[in-house]
Protein backbone atom coordinates (compact mmCIF):
# COMPACT_ATOMS: atom_id res chain seq x y z
CA MET A 1 -5.32 41.11 -15.05
CA PRO A 2 -4.90 41.20 -11.28
CA GLU A 3 -1.81 42.62 -9.70
CA LEU A 4 -0.44 41.33 -6.44
CA THR A 5 2.23 42.72 -4.14
CA ILE A 6 4.58 39.95 -3.03
CA THR A 7 7.45 40.14 -0.59
CA ILE A 8 10.77 38.49 -1.35
CA GLY A 9 13.33 39.06 1.32
CA PRO A 10 13.17 42.68 2.44
CA ARG A 11 11.57 44.00 -0.76
CA ASP A 12 8.04 44.20 -2.08
CA PHE A 13 7.29 43.59 -5.76
CA THR A 14 4.11 44.24 -7.72
CA VAL A 15 3.43 41.35 -10.11
CA ALA A 16 0.58 40.74 -12.56
CA CYS A 17 -0.94 37.31 -13.11
CA GLN A 18 -3.89 35.68 -14.84
CA ALA A 19 -7.24 35.80 -13.08
CA GLY A 20 -7.65 32.85 -10.74
CA GLU A 21 -3.91 32.24 -10.44
CA GLU A 22 -3.37 34.56 -7.49
CA SER A 23 -3.00 31.74 -4.97
CA TYR A 24 -0.39 30.02 -7.12
CA LEU A 25 1.63 33.24 -7.42
CA GLU A 26 1.42 33.81 -3.66
CA ALA A 27 2.56 30.21 -2.98
CA ALA A 28 5.50 30.54 -5.41
CA ALA A 29 6.48 33.87 -3.87
CA ALA A 30 6.33 32.38 -0.40
CA MET A 31 8.67 29.55 -1.52
CA LEU A 32 11.12 32.00 -3.06
CA ASP A 33 10.95 34.20 0.02
CA ALA A 34 11.66 31.20 2.28
CA GLU A 35 14.78 30.36 0.22
CA THR A 36 16.04 33.95 0.31
CA ARG A 37 15.63 33.99 4.11
CA VAL A 38 17.73 30.79 4.38
CA LEU A 39 20.39 32.37 2.21
CA SER A 40 20.35 35.61 4.26
CA GLU A 41 20.80 33.61 7.47
CA GLN A 42 23.66 31.55 6.04
CA ALA A 43 25.53 34.06 3.86
CA GLY A 44 24.48 37.40 5.31
CA ARG A 45 23.85 40.36 3.09
CA MET A 46 24.42 39.80 -0.66
CA PRO A 47 23.32 41.67 -3.80
CA GLU A 48 19.64 41.22 -4.62
CA ALA A 49 20.27 39.73 -8.07
CA ARG A 50 22.67 37.15 -6.65
CA MET A 51 20.27 36.24 -3.84
CA LEU A 52 17.38 35.74 -6.23
CA LEU A 53 19.60 33.70 -8.53
CA MET A 54 20.75 31.46 -5.68
CA ALA A 55 17.22 31.07 -4.32
CA GLY A 56 15.95 30.21 -7.76
CA LEU A 57 18.70 27.60 -8.18
CA MET A 58 17.87 26.09 -4.79
CA LEU A 59 14.19 25.81 -5.77
CA ALA A 60 15.15 24.34 -9.14
CA ASP A 61 17.28 21.73 -7.35
CA LYS A 62 14.37 20.76 -5.09
CA THR A 63 12.07 20.64 -8.09
CA ALA A 64 14.47 18.37 -9.98
CA ALA A 65 14.63 15.98 -7.01
CA VAL A 66 10.86 15.87 -6.79
CA GLU A 67 10.60 15.23 -10.54
CA ASP A 68 13.08 12.32 -10.22
CA LYS A 69 10.99 10.81 -7.40
CA LEU A 70 7.88 11.34 -9.49
CA ARG A 71 9.40 9.51 -12.44
CA GLU A 72 10.45 6.61 -10.18
CA ALA A 73 6.95 6.42 -8.70
CA GLU A 74 5.36 6.51 -12.16
CA ALA A 75 7.69 3.72 -13.37
CA LYS A 76 6.86 1.61 -10.31
CA LEU A 77 3.16 2.29 -10.81
CA ALA A 78 3.40 1.21 -14.46
CA GLU A 79 5.26 -1.95 -13.45
CA LEU A 80 2.63 -2.79 -10.85
CA GLY A 81 -0.11 -2.04 -13.37
CA GLN A 82 1.44 -4.51 -15.82
CA GLU A 83 1.78 -7.14 -13.11
CA LEU A 84 -1.87 -6.60 -12.12
CA GLU A 85 -2.99 -6.88 -15.72
CA ALA A 86 -0.93 -10.09 -16.15
CA LEU A 87 -2.57 -11.56 -13.04
CA ARG A 88 -6.03 -10.62 -14.30
CA ASN A 89 -5.37 -12.18 -17.71
CA ALA A 90 -3.71 -15.32 -16.33
CA PRO A 91 -5.78 -18.52 -16.52
CA ALA A 92 -7.39 -19.60 -13.30
CA PRO A 93 -5.31 -22.12 -11.40
CA ALA A 94 -6.29 -25.77 -11.74
CA PRO A 95 -8.42 -26.94 -8.87
CA GLU A 96 -6.43 -28.71 -6.19
CA ARG A 97 -7.17 -32.38 -5.95
CA ILE A 98 -7.70 -33.63 -2.43
CA GLU A 99 -7.84 -37.34 -1.83
CA VAL A 100 -9.84 -38.55 1.12
CA PRO A 101 -8.78 -41.90 2.43
CA MET A 102 -11.52 -44.47 2.25
CA ILE A 103 -12.00 -47.45 4.47
CA PRO A 104 -11.65 -50.62 2.43
CA PRO A 105 -14.79 -52.76 2.33
CA SER A 106 -13.03 -55.71 4.03
CA VAL A 107 -12.21 -53.53 7.07
CA ALA A 108 -15.79 -52.27 7.22
CA GLU A 109 -17.08 -55.86 7.12
CA GLY A 110 -14.63 -56.90 9.83
CA MET A 111 -15.73 -54.04 12.06
CA ALA A 112 -19.40 -54.97 11.53
CA GLU A 113 -18.59 -58.57 12.48
CA LEU A 114 -16.76 -57.40 15.65
CA ALA A 115 -19.73 -55.20 16.55
CA ALA A 116 -22.12 -58.15 16.14
CA ARG A 117 -19.89 -60.35 18.32
CA ALA A 118 -19.69 -57.65 20.99
CA GLU A 119 -23.50 -57.35 21.03
CA SER A 120 -23.78 -61.14 21.28
CA VAL A 121 -21.38 -61.20 24.27
CA ALA A 122 -23.27 -58.32 25.88
CA ASP A 123 -26.60 -60.20 25.43
CA ALA A 124 -25.10 -63.36 26.96
CA VAL A 125 -23.78 -61.37 29.95
CA GLU A 126 -27.18 -59.77 30.50
CA ALA A 127 -28.95 -63.11 30.26
CA LYS A 128 -26.63 -64.64 32.86
CA ALA A 129 -27.13 -61.61 35.08
CA ARG A 130 -30.92 -62.02 34.88
CA ALA A 131 -30.70 -65.77 35.51
CA GLY A 132 -28.48 -65.20 38.52
CA ALA A 133 -30.83 -62.57 39.95
CA ALA A 134 -33.93 -64.75 39.68
């Protein structure tokens, strides 16, 4: 079992941990040390036991806040997961019907008749133009 020397405030402590957990112990010690430094700056010198107690309580408070946020995030994730599942299981929407206006046959026939008349008038104008030029 490895032993590490960690520094909390002005003191060094030798602590044993499981193999492979050294980095976790060092990170936890660094967090505790940071809290004790904040306390030392704010309150000045205080007994070691009281300082460690206060630092531990400050870390516990931060941990509780993070756990609350985690629970909120997990609840929101579950809600979004249910919404996604409901959308996946919902039937496909009915196709939208689009109506395209059609030209009534009587209008088409009338336009064809007008086109024929226009061509007839154009032919007559061309014929007169040729007769006048000759």
